[in-house]
Amino acid sequence: MNINVPEFARDHFWEEPPANSEEFWGFRFPPPCKVGDPLHFRFDGRIVATARVSRIEQPGQSSCEGTGRFGGTYKVFWTNESFKDVRSGSLLEVK
C-alpha cells in the first residue's frame, strides 16, 4: 500500500520513535491492506521508506498518545523493526 506523506508531516516523519513502540497512519476510510502487507511511504511520488503492517485498528479504539488526535480514524500500525529508510537506496520511483 502506498502512503503519500504530505509536506507538513515530513519533518515529524523522520523523528525517531521510542524503542519498542509502534507507529501508525490514520485513514478516514477502511485501508486497502492487511497485516503483513508492505507499506511504501512516498514524498512527491518517490519511495523514501518501507515497513510492514503489524496491525489495523477500527476507529474509536485509540488515539495518538502524544497529541490525542486521530481517535476517529482507521489506524494502520507498523513496528520500528520493520521500518526501513530507503532515501539513498534501492527502490526507484514507481509511477
C-alpha atoms as a PDB file:
ATOM      1  CA  MET A   1       0.000   0.000   0.000  1.00  0.00           C
ATOM      2  CA  ASN A   2       1.236   3.478  -0.837  1.00  0.00           C
ATOM      3  CA  ILE A   3       1.121   6.277   1.731  1.00  0.00           C
ATOM      4  CA  ASN A   4       1.725   9.732   0.307  1.00  0.00           C
ATOM      5  CA  VAL A   5       3.277  11.781   3.113  1.00  0.00           C
ATOM      6  CA  PRO A   6       2.180  15.437   2.851  1.00  0.00           C
ATOM      7  CA  GLU A   7       4.788  18.187   3.100  1.00  0.00           C
ATOM      8  CA  PHE A   8       3.565  19.383   6.516  1.00  0.00           C
ATOM      9  CA  ALA A   9       4.190  15.898   8.026  1.00  0.00           C
ATOM     10  CA  ARG A  10       7.637  15.216   6.566  1.00  0.00           C
ATOM     11  CA  ASP A  11       9.837  16.661   9.320  1.00  0.00           C
ATOM     12  CA  HIS A  12       7.957  14.729  12.008  1.00  0.00           C
ATOM     13  CA  PHE A  13       8.011  11.589   9.834  1.00  0.00           C
ATOM     14  CA  TRP A  14      11.779  11.184  10.400  1.00  0.00           C
ATOM     15  CA  GLU A  15      11.699  11.701  14.198  1.00  0.00           C
ATOM     16  CA  GLU A  16      12.891   8.567  15.990  1.00  0.00           C
ATOM     17  CA  PRO A  17      10.025   6.933  17.914  1.00  0.00           C
ATOM     18  CA  PRO A  18      10.543   5.425  21.386  1.00  0.00           C
ATOM     19  CA  ALA A  19      12.068   1.935  21.485  1.00  0.00           C
ATOM     20  CA  ASN A  20       9.628  -0.983  21.268  1.00  0.00           C
ATOM     21  CA  SER A  21       6.799   1.227  20.054  1.00  0.00           C
ATOM     22  CA  GLU A  22       4.515   1.144  17.045  1.00  0.00           C
ATOM     23  CA  GLU A  23       3.843   3.978  14.661  1.00  0.00           C
ATOM     24  CA  PHE A  24       0.591   4.420  12.734  1.00  0.00           C
ATOM     25  CA  TRP A  25      -1.006   6.268   9.853  1.00  0.00           C
ATOM     26  CA  GLY A  26      -4.661   7.267  10.158  1.00  0.00           C
ATOM     27  CA  PHE A  27      -7.255   6.888   7.404  1.00  0.00           C
ATOM     28  CA  ARG A  28     -10.830   8.164   7.146  1.00  0.00           C
ATOM     29  CA  PHE A  29     -11.919   5.064   5.209  1.00  0.00           C
ATOM     30  CA  PRO A  30     -11.038   1.370   5.632  1.00  0.00           C
ATOM     31  CA  PRO A  31      -7.454   0.962   4.389  1.00  0.00           C
ATOM     32  CA  PRO A  32      -6.829  -1.368   1.422  1.00  0.00           C
ATOM     33  CA  CYS A  33      -4.312  -3.567   3.237  1.00  0.00           C
ATOM     34  CA  LYS A  34      -3.989  -6.377   5.771  1.00  0.00           C
ATOM     35  CA  VAL A  35      -1.485  -7.463   8.424  1.00  0.00           C
ATOM     36  CA  GLY A  36       1.819  -8.396   6.811  1.00  0.00           C
ATOM     37  CA  ASP A  37       1.349  -6.226   3.718  1.00  0.00           C
ATOM     38  CA  PRO A  38       4.154  -3.856   2.707  1.00  0.00           C
ATOM     39  CA  LEU A  39       3.797  -0.106   3.161  1.00  0.00           C
ATOM     40  CA  HIS A  40       5.560   2.300   0.786  1.00  0.00           C
ATOM     41  CA  PHE A  41       5.918   5.849   2.121  1.00  0.00           C
ATOM     42  CA  ARG A  42       6.270   8.406  -0.665  1.00  0.00           C
ATOM     43  CA  PHE A  43       7.412  12.006  -0.887  1.00  0.00           C
ATOM     44  CA  ASP A  44       6.248  13.520  -4.207  1.00  0.00           C
ATOM     45  CA  GLY A  45       5.967  10.084  -5.804  1.00  0.00           C
ATOM     46  CA  ARG A  46       9.368   8.798  -4.675  1.00  0.00           C
ATOM     47  CA  ILE A  47       9.521   5.933  -2.156  1.00  0.00           C
ATOM     48  CA  VAL A  48      11.512   7.125   0.876  1.00  0.00           C
ATOM     49  CA  ALA A  49      10.712   4.376   3.399  1.00  0.00           C
ATOM     50  CA  THR A  50       9.058   0.988   3.716  1.00  0.00           C
ATOM     51  CA  ALA A  51       7.506  -1.007   6.552  1.00  0.00           C
ATOM     52  CA  ARG A  52       5.167  -3.947   7.170  1.00  0.00           C
ATOM     53  CA  VAL A  53       1.642  -3.676   8.567  1.00  0.00           C
ATOM     54  CA  SER A  54       1.677  -5.078  12.116  1.00  0.00           C
ATOM     55  CA  ARG A  55      -1.998  -4.466  12.917  1.00  0.00           C
ATOM     56  CA  ILE A  56      -5.036  -2.422  11.914  1.00  0.00           C
ATOM     57  CA  GLU A  57      -7.443  -0.698  14.326  1.00  0.00           C
ATOM     58  CA  GLN A  58     -11.018   0.380  13.789  1.00  0.00           C
ATOM     59  CA  PRO A  59     -11.996   3.992  14.572  1.00  0.00           C
ATOM     60  CA  GLY A  60     -12.544   4.753  18.260  1.00  0.00           C
ATOM     61  CA  GLN A  61     -10.154   2.150  19.686  1.00  0.00           C
ATOM     62  CA  SER A  62      -7.277   4.521  20.428  1.00  0.00           C
ATOM     63  CA  SER A  63      -5.757   7.902  19.650  1.00  0.00           C
ATOM     64  CA  CYS A  64      -2.247   9.299  19.349  1.00  0.00           C
ATOM     65  CA  GLU A  65      -0.531   9.150  22.743  1.00  0.00           C
ATOM     66  CA  GLY A  66       1.335  12.388  22.070  1.00  0.00           C
ATOM     67  CA  THR A  67      -1.460  14.553  20.667  1.00  0.00           C
ATOM     68  CA  GLY A  68      -4.728  12.788  21.446  1.00  0.00           C
ATOM     69  CA  ARG A  69      -5.666  13.105  17.766  1.00  0.00           C
ATOM     70  CA  PHE A  70      -6.809  10.505  15.225  1.00  0.00           C
ATOM     71  CA  GLY A  71      -9.275   8.751  17.540  1.00  0.00           C
ATOM     72  CA  GLY A  72     -11.886   8.607  14.803  1.00  0.00           C
ATOM     73  CA  THR A  73      -9.676   7.099  12.110  1.00  0.00           C
ATOM     74  CA  TYR A  74      -8.730   3.624  10.974  1.00  0.00           C
ATOM     75  CA  LYS A  75      -5.117   3.144  12.026  1.00  0.00           C
ATOM     76  CA  VAL A  76      -2.509   1.110  10.160  1.00  0.00           C
ATOM     77  CA  PHE A  77       0.385   0.268  12.515  1.00  0.00           C
ATOM     78  CA  TRP A  78       3.951  -0.842  11.853  1.00  0.00           C
ATOM     79  CA  THR A  79       6.821  -1.683  14.198  1.00  0.00           C
ATOM     80  CA  ASN A  80      10.122   0.164  14.404  1.00  0.00           C
ATOM     81  CA  GLU A  81      11.887  -3.060  13.429  1.00  0.00           C
ATOM     82  CA  SER A  82      10.074  -3.277  10.079  1.00  0.00           C
ATOM     83  CA  PHE A  83      10.672   0.388   9.149  1.00  0.00           C
ATOM     84  CA  LYS A  84      13.421   0.946   6.553  1.00  0.00           C
ATOM     85  CA  ASP A  85      14.731   4.316   5.353  1.00  0.00           C
ATOM     86  CA  VAL A  86      15.376   3.901   1.613  1.00  0.00           C
ATOM     87  CA  ARG A  87      16.057   7.528   0.641  1.00  0.00           C
ATOM     88  CA  SER A  88      19.542   6.673  -0.578  1.00  0.00           C
ATOM     89  CA  GLY A  89      18.769   3.271  -1.814  1.00  0.00           C
ATOM     90  CA  SER A  90      17.491   0.584  -3.918  1.00  0.00           C
ATOM     91  CA  LEU A  91      13.851   1.456  -4.531  1.00  0.00           C
ATOM     92  CA  LEU A  92      13.231   3.595  -7.586  1.00  0.00           C
ATOM     93  CA  GLU A  93      10.323   5.869  -8.270  1.00  0.00           C
ATOM     94  CA  VAL A  94       7.272   3.861  -9.293  1.00  0.00           C
ATOM     95  CA  LYS A  95       4.544   5.609 -11.250  1.00  0.00           C
END
